[in-house]
């Protein structure tokens, strides 16, 4: 079974910021990290939902819209995938 690139990273060493997760099938996944993983301080569901809608709207109306496949929250509530 192939290993998922983002699962191979040590999330305890990731800091807040933008991190490249990997590329598969010509698509690069980015980790937009707002909170430190496993830090006990997480993005609230309400804030996450608001950010998701704001950024998705901006991205879908930008000149990059044809190059963006997905923008959405991480289940761990520390950031978003792009």
PDB file of N, CA and C in Angstrom:
ATOM      1  N   UNK A   1       0.849  -1.167   0.000  1.00  0.00           N
ATOM      2  CA  UNK A   1       0.000   0.000   0.000  1.00  0.00           C
ATOM      3  C   UNK A   1       0.902   1.240   0.000  1.00  0.00           C
ATOM      4  N   UNK A   2       0.556   2.210  -0.842  1.00  0.00           N
ATOM      5  CA  UNK A   2       1.331   3.449  -0.903  1.00  0.00           C
ATOM      6  C   UNK A   2       1.076   4.295   0.336  1.00  0.00           C
ATOM      7  N   UNK A   3       2.118   4.944   0.771  1.00  0.00           N
ATOM      8  CA  UNK A   3       2.011   5.816   1.928  1.00  0.00           C
ATOM      9  C   UNK A   3       1.593   7.216   1.481  1.00  0.00           C
ATOM     10  N   UNK A   4       0.672   7.824   2.173  1.00  0.00           N
ATOM     11  CA  UNK A   4       0.219   9.177   1.858  1.00  0.00           C
ATOM     12  C   UNK A   4       1.302  10.146   2.332  1.00  0.00           C
ATOM     13  N   UNK A   5       1.810  11.018   1.424  1.00  0.00           N
ATOM     14  CA  UNK A   5       2.938  11.899   1.780  1.00  0.00           C
ATOM     15  C   UNK A   5       2.724  12.723   3.048  1.00  0.00           C
ATOM     16  N   UNK A   6       1.539  13.293   3.223  1.00  0.00           N
ATOM     17  CA  UNK A   6       1.320  14.144   4.403  1.00  0.00           C
ATOM     18  C   UNK A   6       1.324  13.333   5.698  1.00  0.00           C
ATOM     19  N   UNK A   7       1.032  12.020   5.609  1.00  0.00           N
ATOM     20  CA  UNK A   7       1.050  11.178   6.803  1.00  0.00           C
ATOM     21  C   UNK A   7       2.479  10.815   7.201  1.00  0.00           C
ATOM     22  N   UNK A   8       3.422  11.048   6.312  1.00  0.00           N
ATOM     23  CA  UNK A   8       4.826  10.726   6.586  1.00  0.00           C
ATOM     24  C   UNK A   8       5.537  11.834   7.356  1.00  0.00           C
ATOM     25  N   UNK A   9       4.914  12.992   7.445  1.00  0.00           N
ATOM     26  CA  UNK A   9       5.529  14.127   8.148  1.00  0.00           C
ATOM     27  C   UNK A   9       5.315  13.989   9.656  1.00  0.00           C
ATOM     28  N   UNK A  10       6.281  14.461  10.415  1.00  0.00           N
ATOM     29  CA  UNK A  10       6.137  14.512  11.862  1.00  0.00           C
ATOM     30  C   UNK A  10       5.364  15.787  12.195  1.00  0.00           C
ATOM     31  N   UNK A  11       4.085  15.653  12.450  1.00  0.00           N
ATOM     32  CA  UNK A  11       3.236  16.818  12.676  1.00  0.00           C
ATOM     33  C   UNK A  11       3.578  17.569  13.961  1.00  0.00           C
ATOM     34  N   UNK A  12       4.245  16.905  14.896  1.00  0.00           N
ATOM     35  CA  UNK A  12       4.630  17.591  16.131  1.00  0.00           C
ATOM     36  C   UNK A  12       5.716  18.637  15.898  1.00  0.00           C
ATOM     37  N   UNK A  13       6.418  18.553  14.766  1.00  0.00           N
ATOM     38  CA  UNK A  13       7.472  19.532  14.474  1.00  0.00           C
ATOM     39  C   UNK A  13       6.998  20.638  13.534  1.00  0.00           C
ATOM     40  N   UNK A  14       5.777  20.527  13.004  1.00  0.00           N
ATOM     41  CA  UNK A  14       5.252  21.558  12.105  1.00  0.00           C
ATOM     42  C   UNK A  14       4.913  22.820  12.888  1.00  0.00           C
ATOM     43  N   UNK A  15       5.218  23.942  12.298  1.00  0.00           N
ATOM     44  CA  UNK A  15       4.870  25.219  12.914  1.00  0.00           C
ATOM     45  C   UNK A  15       3.717  25.844  12.139  1.00  0.00           C
ATOM     46  N   UNK A  16       3.203  26.922  12.661  1.00  0.00           N
ATOM     47  CA  UNK A  16       2.169  27.684  11.966  1.00  0.00           C
ATOM     48  C   UNK A  16       2.776  28.211  10.670  1.00  0.00           C
ATOM     49  N   UNK A  17       2.021  28.150   9.573  1.00  0.00           N
ATOM     50  CA  UNK A  17       2.518  28.646   8.292  1.00  0.00           C
ATOM     51  C   UNK A  17       2.013  27.815   7.130  1.00  0.00           C
ATOM     52  N   UNK A  18       2.640  27.981   5.993  1.00  0.00           N
ATOM     53  CA  UNK A  18       2.268  27.283   4.767  1.00  0.00           C
ATOM     54  C   UNK A  18       3.311  26.211   4.481  1.00  0.00           C
ATOM     55  N   UNK A  19       2.851  24.966   4.344  1.00  0.00           N
ATOM     56  CA  UNK A  19       3.750  23.831   4.127  1.00  0.00           C
ATOM     57  C   UNK A  19       3.289  23.031   2.916  1.00  0.00           C
ATOM     58  N   UNK A  20       4.223  22.622   2.079  1.00  0.00           N
ATOM     59  CA  UNK A  20       3.888  21.754   0.952  1.00  0.00           C
ATOM     60  C   UNK A  20       3.750  20.328   1.472  1.00  0.00           C
ATOM     61  N   UNK A  21       2.605  19.700   1.186  1.00  0.00           N
ATOM     62  CA  UNK A  21       2.361  18.329   1.646  1.00  0.00           C
ATOM     63  C   UNK A  21       2.907  17.301   0.672  1.00  0.00           C
ATOM     64  N   UNK A  22       2.843  17.613  -0.602  1.00  0.00           N
ATOM     65  CA  UNK A  22       3.295  16.671  -1.614  1.00  0.00           C
ATOM     66  C   UNK A  22       2.553  16.886  -2.916  1.00  0.00           C
ATOM     67  N   UNK A  23       2.999  16.178  -3.940  1.00  0.00           N
ATOM     68  CA  UNK A  23       2.382  16.277  -5.259  1.00  0.00           C
ATOM     69  C   UNK A  23       2.042  14.881  -5.752  1.00  0.00           C
ATOM     70  N   UNK A  24       0.836  14.725  -6.257  1.00  0.00           N
ATOM     71  CA  UNK A  24       0.396  13.460  -6.847  1.00  0.00           C
ATOM     72  C   UNK A  24      -0.496  13.777  -8.036  1.00  0.00           C
ATOM     73  N   UNK A  25      -0.264  13.088  -9.127  1.00  0.00           N
ATOM     74  CA  UNK A  25      -1.068  13.259 -10.342  1.00  0.00           C
ATOM     75  C   UNK A  25      -1.075  14.708 -10.835  1.00  0.00           C
ATOM     76  N   UNK A  26       0.033  15.405 -10.623  1.00  0.00           N
ATOM     77  CA  UNK A  26       0.153  16.780 -11.085  1.00  0.00           C
ATOM     78  C   UNK A  26      -0.500  17.817 -10.188  1.00  0.00           C
ATOM     79  N   UNK A  27      -0.993  17.389  -9.032  1.00  0.00           N
ATOM     80  CA  UNK A  27      -1.660  18.302  -8.102  1.00  0.00           C
ATOM     81  C   UNK A  27      -0.826  18.404  -6.826  1.00  0.00           C
ATOM     82  N   UNK A  28      -0.473  19.621  -6.444  1.00  0.00           N
ATOM     83  CA  UNK A  28       0.277  19.853  -5.210  1.00  0.00           C
ATOM     84  C   UNK A  28      -0.700  20.233  -4.107  1.00  0.00           C
ATOM     85  N   UNK A  29      -0.564  19.588  -2.961  1.00  0.00           N
ATOM     86  CA  UNK A  29      -1.396  19.895  -1.804  1.00  0.00           C
ATOM     87  C   UNK A  29      -0.593  20.746  -0.832  1.00  0.00           C
ATOM     88  N   UNK A  30      -1.234  21.821  -0.357  1.00  0.00           N
ATOM     89  CA  UNK A  30      -0.607  22.724   0.606  1.00  0.00           C
ATOM     90  C   UNK A  30      -1.346  22.640   1.931  1.00  0.00           C
ATOM     91  N   UNK A  31      -0.601  22.733   2.998  1.00  0.00           N
ATOM     92  CA  UNK A  31      -1.103  22.705   4.361  1.00  0.00           C
ATOM     93  C   UNK A  31      -0.991  24.134   4.888  1.00  0.00           C
ATOM     94  N   UNK A  32      -2.122  24.804   5.035  1.00  0.00           N
ATOM     95  CA  UNK A  32      -2.158  26.165   5.566  1.00  0.00           C
ATOM     96  C   UNK A  32      -2.462  26.047   7.060  1.00  0.00           C
ATOM     97  N   UNK A  33      -1.417  26.060   7.853  1.00  0.00           N
ATOM     98  CA  UNK A  33      -1.502  25.736   9.272  1.00  0.00           C
ATOM     99  C   UNK A  33      -1.691  27.001  10.102  1.00  0.00           C
ATOM    100  N   UNK A  34      -2.813  27.095  10.824  1.00  0.00           N
ATOM    101  CA  UNK A  34      -3.109  28.242  11.678  1.00  0.00           C
ATOM    102  C   UNK A  34      -2.686  27.999  13.128  1.00  0.00           C
ATOM    103  N   UNK A  35      -2.699  26.740  13.540  1.00  0.00           N
ATOM    104  CA  UNK A  35      -2.388  26.363  14.924  1.00  0.00           C
ATOM    105  C   UNK A  35      -1.352  25.245  14.925  1.00  0.00           C
ATOM    106  N   UNK A  36      -0.575  25.141  15.985  1.00  0.00           N
ATOM    107  CA  UNK A  36       0.435  24.090  16.109  1.00  0.00           C
ATOM    108  C   UNK A  36      -0.269  22.750  16.334  1.00  0.00           C
ATOM    109  N   UNK A  37       0.093  21.722  15.562  1.00  0.00           N
ATOM    110  CA  UNK A  37      -0.516  20.399  15.742  1.00  0.00           C
ATOM    111  C   UNK A  37      -0.315  19.865  17.167  1.00  0.00           C
ATOM    112  N   UNK A  38      -1.344  19.232  17.682  1.00  0.00           N
ATOM    113  CA  UNK A  38      -1.320  18.613  19.013  1.00  0.00           C
ATOM    114  C   UNK A  38      -0.964  19.606  20.115  1.00  0.00           C
ATOM    115  N   UNK A  39      -1.267  20.887  19.883  1.00  0.00           N
ATOM    116  CA  UNK A  39      -0.925  21.921  20.856  1.00  0.00           C
ATOM    117  C   UNK A  39      -2.012  22.205  21.874  1.00  0.00           C
ATOM    118  N   UNK A  40      -3.194  21.645  21.675  1.00  0.00           N
ATOM    119  CA  UNK A  40      -4.290  21.868  22.610  1.00  0.00           C
ATOM    120  C   UNK A  40      -5.113  23.111  22.315  1.00  0.00           C
ATOM    121  N   UNK A  41      -4.635  23.959  21.412  1.00  0.00           N
ATOM    122  CA  UNK A  41      -5.342  25.182  21.022  1.00  0.00           C
ATOM    123  C   UNK A  41      -5.758  25.002  19.568  1.00  0.00           C
ATOM    124  N   UNK A  42      -7.059  24.973  19.306  1.00  0.00           N
ATOM    125  CA  UNK A  42      -7.545  24.642  17.969  1.00  0.00           C
ATOM    126  C   UNK A  42      -8.452  25.734  17.409  1.00  0.00           C
ATOM    127  N   UNK A  43      -8.622  25.744  16.095  1.00  0.00           N
ATOM    128  CA  UNK A  43      -9.544  26.663  15.429  1.00  0.00           C
ATOM    129  C   UNK A  43     -10.959  26.200  15.775  1.00  0.00           C
ATOM    130  N   UNK A  44     -11.803  27.123  16.209  1.00  0.00           N
ATOM    131  CA  UNK A  44     -13.174  26.738  16.555  1.00  0.00           C
ATOM    132  C   UNK A  44     -13.941  26.365  15.289  1.00  0.00           C
ATOM    133  N   UNK A  45     -14.942  25.498  15.411  1.00  0.00           N
ATOM    134  CA  UNK A  45     -15.735  25.145  14.232  1.00  0.00           C
ATOM    135  C   UNK A  45     -16.371  26.366  13.560  1.00  0.00           C
ATOM    136  N   UNK A  46     -16.832  27.322  14.349  1.00  0.00           N
ATOM    137  CA  UNK A  46     -17.461  28.526  13.790  1.00  0.00           C
ATOM    138  C   UNK A  46     -16.448  29.337  12.974  1.00  0.00           C
ATOM    139  N   UNK A  47     -15.243  29.528  13.523  1.00  0.00           N
ATOM    140  CA  UNK A  47     -14.193  30.264  12.805  1.00  0.00           C
ATOM    141  C   UNK A  47     -13.762  29.504  11.556  1.00  0.00           C
ATOM    142  N   UNK A  48     -13.625  28.197  11.683  1.00  0.00           N
ATOM    143  CA  UNK A  48     -13.217  27.361  10.553  1.00  0.00           C
ATOM    144  C   UNK A  48     -14.218  27.463   9.403  1.00  0.00           C
ATOM    145  N   UNK A  49     -15.491  27.422   9.738  1.00  0.00           N
ATOM    146  CA  UNK A  49     -16.541  27.501   8.721  1.00  0.00           C
ATOM    147  C   UNK A  49     -16.530  28.864   8.035  1.00  0.00           C
ATOM    148  N   UNK A  50     -16.333  29.922   8.804  1.00  0.00           N
ATOM    149  CA  UNK A  50     -16.265  31.274   8.243  1.00  0.00           C
ATOM    150  C   UNK A  50     -15.070  31.421   7.313  1.00  0.00           C
ATOM    151  N   UNK A  51     -13.896  30.983   7.768  1.00  0.00           N
ATOM    152  CA  UNK A  51     -12.680  31.061   6.946  1.00  0.00           C
ATOM    153  C   UNK A  51     -12.843  30.242   5.675  1.00  0.00           C
ATOM    154  N   UNK A  52     -13.423  29.051   5.803  1.00  0.00           N
ATOM    155  CA  UNK A  52     -13.636  28.187   4.636  1.00  0.00           C
ATOM    156  C   UNK A  52     -14.456  28.911   3.569  1.00  0.00           C
ATOM    157  N   UNK A  53     -15.554  29.535   3.961  1.00  0.00           N
ATOM    158  CA  UNK A  53     -16.414  30.218   2.994  1.00  0.00           C
ATOM    159  C   UNK A  53     -15.755  31.473   2.423  1.00  0.00           C
ATOM    160  N   UNK A  54     -15.097  32.249   3.261  1.00  0.00           N
ATOM    161  CA  UNK A  54     -14.429  33.462   2.773  1.00  0.00           C
ATOM    162  C   UNK A  54     -13.332  33.131   1.770  1.00  0.00           C
ATOM    163  N   UNK A  55     -12.433  32.213   2.143  1.00  0.00           N
ATOM    164  CA  UNK A  55     -11.315  31.892   1.252  1.00  0.00           C
ATOM    165  C   UNK A  55     -11.772  31.150   0.007  1.00  0.00           C
ATOM    166  N   UNK A  56     -12.737  30.245   0.151  1.00  0.00           N
ATOM    167  CA  UNK A  56     -13.239  29.534  -1.025  1.00  0.00           C
ATOM    168  C   UNK A  56     -13.854  30.520  -2.020  1.00  0.00           C
ATOM    169  N   UNK A  57     -14.590  31.508  -1.528  1.00  0.00           N
ATOM    170  CA  UNK A  57     -15.194  32.514  -2.405  1.00  0.00           C
ATOM    171  C   UNK A  57     -14.127  33.353  -3.094  1.00  0.00           C
ATOM    172  N   UNK A  58     -13.140  33.807  -2.340  1.00  0.00           N
ATOM    173  CA  UNK A  58     -12.055  34.611  -2.919  1.00  0.00           C
ATOM    174  C   UNK A  58     -11.285  33.796  -3.954  1.00  0.00           C
ATOM    175  N   UNK A  59     -10.923  32.560  -3.605  1.00  0.00           N
ATOM    176  CA  UNK A  59     -10.139  31.721  -4.519  1.00  0.00           C
ATOM    177  C   UNK A  59     -10.905  31.387  -5.796  1.00  0.00           C
ATOM    178  N   UNK A  60     -12.190  31.101  -5.675  1.00  0.00           N
ATOM    179  CA  UNK A  60     -12.997  30.739  -6.852  1.00  0.00           C
ATOM    180  C   UNK A  60     -13.268  31.923  -7.769  1.00  0.00           C
ATOM    181  N   UNK A  61     -13.031  33.125  -7.259  1.00  0.00           N
ATOM    182  CA  UNK A  61     -13.216  34.322  -8.075  1.00  0.00           C
ATOM    183  C   UNK A  61     -11.891  34.978  -8.460  1.00  0.00           C
ATOM    184  N   UNK A  62     -10.785  34.307  -8.181  1.00  0.00           N
ATOM    185  CA  UNK A  62      -9.467  34.865  -8.493  1.00  0.00           C
ATOM    186  C   UNK A  62      -8.984  34.387  -9.859  1.00  0.00           C
ATOM    187  N   UNK A  63      -7.887  34.966 -10.311  1.00  0.00           N
ATOM    188  CA  UNK A  63      -7.312  34.541 -11.586  1.00  0.00           C
ATOM    189  C   UNK A  63      -6.660  33.160 -11.478  1.00  0.00           C
ATOM    190  N   UNK A  64      -6.589  32.594 -10.288  1.00  0.00           N
ATOM    191  CA  UNK A  64      -6.016  31.256 -10.061  1.00  0.00           C
ATOM    192  C   UNK A  64      -7.084  30.164 -10.004  1.00  0.00           C
ATOM    193  N   UNK A  65      -8.347  30.529 -10.182  1.00  0.00           N
ATOM    194  CA  UNK A  65      -9.447  29.585  -9.968  1.00  0.00           C
ATOM    195  C   UNK A  65      -9.349  28.306 -10.791  1.00  0.00           C
ATOM    196  N   UNK A  66      -8.779  28.368 -11.977  1.00  0.00           N
ATOM    197  CA  UNK A  66      -8.670  27.168 -12.808  1.00  0.00           C
ATOM    198  C   UNK A  66      -7.553  26.236 -12.345  1.00  0.00           C
ATOM    199  N   UNK A  67      -6.737  26.699 -11.411  1.00  0.00           N
ATOM    200  CA  UNK A  67      -5.626  25.895 -10.896  1.00  0.00           C
ATOM    201  C   UNK A  67      -5.852  25.406  -9.470  1.00  0.00           C
ATOM    202  N   UNK A  68      -7.019  25.668  -8.917  1.00  0.00           N
ATOM    203  CA  UNK A  68      -7.321  25.258  -7.545  1.00  0.00           C
ATOM    204  C   UNK A  68      -8.388  24.176  -7.578  1.00  0.00           C
ATOM    205  N   UNK A  69      -8.069  23.047  -6.961  1.00  0.00           N
ATOM    206  CA  UNK A  69      -8.987  21.914  -6.944  1.00  0.00           C
ATOM    207  C   UNK A  69      -9.875  21.948  -5.704  1.00  0.00           C
ATOM    208  N   UNK A  70      -9.295  22.333  -4.564  1.00  0.00           N
ATOM    209  CA  UNK A  70     -10.022  22.216  -3.296  1.00  0.00           C
ATOM    210  C   UNK A  70      -9.445  23.167  -2.257  1.00  0.00           C
ATOM    211  N   UNK A  71     -10.295  23.712  -1.411  1.00  0.00           N
ATOM    212  CA  UNK A  71      -9.886  24.420  -0.205  1.00  0.00           C
ATOM    213  C   UNK A  71     -10.852  24.008   0.888  1.00  0.00           C
ATOM    214  N   UNK A  72     -10.346  23.474   1.986  1.00  0.00           N
ATOM    215  CA  UNK A  72     -11.229  23.053   3.064  1.00  0.00           C
ATOM    216  C   UNK A  72     -10.483  22.820   4.364  1.00  0.00           C
ATOM    217  N   UNK A  73     -11.234  22.715   5.459  1.00  0.00           N
ATOM    218  CA  UNK A  73     -10.632  22.574   6.784  1.00  0.00           C
ATOM    219  C   UNK A  73     -10.057  21.186   7.036  1.00  0.00           C
ATOM    220  N   UNK A  74      -9.069  21.146   7.907  1.00  0.00           N
ATOM    221  CA  UNK A  74      -8.506  19.878   8.376  1.00  0.00           C
ATOM    222  C   UNK A  74      -9.386  19.360   9.508  1.00  0.00           C
ATOM    223  N   UNK A  75      -9.554  18.077   9.569  1.00  0.00           N
ATOM    224  CA  UNK A  75     -10.342  17.477  10.642  1.00  0.00           C
ATOM    225  C   UNK A  75      -9.763  17.727  12.023  1.00  0.00           C
ATOM    226  N   UNK A  76      -8.453  17.946  12.093  1.00  0.00           N
ATOM    227  CA  UNK A  76      -7.778  18.168  13.381  1.00  0.00           C
ATOM    228  C   UNK A  76      -7.957  19.598  13.892  1.00  0.00           C
ATOM    229  N   UNK A  77      -8.603  20.451  13.089  1.00  0.00           N
ATOM    230  CA  UNK A  77      -8.912  21.837  13.454  1.00  0.00           C
ATOM    231  C   UNK A  77      -7.683  22.695  13.714  1.00  0.00           C
ATOM    232  N   UNK A  78      -6.605  22.439  12.952  1.00  0.00           N
ATOM    233  CA  UNK A  78      -5.412  23.276  13.086  1.00  0.00           C
ATOM    234  C   UNK A  78      -5.160  24.114  11.844  1.00  0.00           C
ATOM    235  N   UNK A  79      -5.948  23.905  10.790  1.00  0.00           N
ATOM    236  CA  UNK A  79      -5.741  24.672   9.571  1.00  0.00           C
ATOM    237  C   UNK A  79      -6.581  24.163   8.422  1.00  0.00           C
ATOM    238  N   UNK A  80      -6.059  24.384   7.211  1.00  0.00           N
ATOM    239  CA  UNK A  80      -6.807  24.085   5.995  1.00  0.00           C
ATOM    240  C   UNK A  80      -5.903  23.445   4.955  1.00  0.00           C
ATOM    241  N   UNK A  81      -6.513  22.697   4.055  1.00  0.00           N
ATOM    242  CA  UNK A  81      -5.800  22.152   2.898  1.00  0.00           C
ATOM    243  C   UNK A  81      -6.166  22.966   1.670  1.00  0.00           C
ATOM    244  N   UNK A  82      -5.164  23.214   0.828  1.00  0.00           N
ATOM    245  CA  UNK A  82      -5.365  23.907  -0.443  1.00  0.00           C
ATOM    246  C   UNK A  82      -4.721  23.062  -1.515  1.00  0.00           C
TER     247      UNK A  82
END
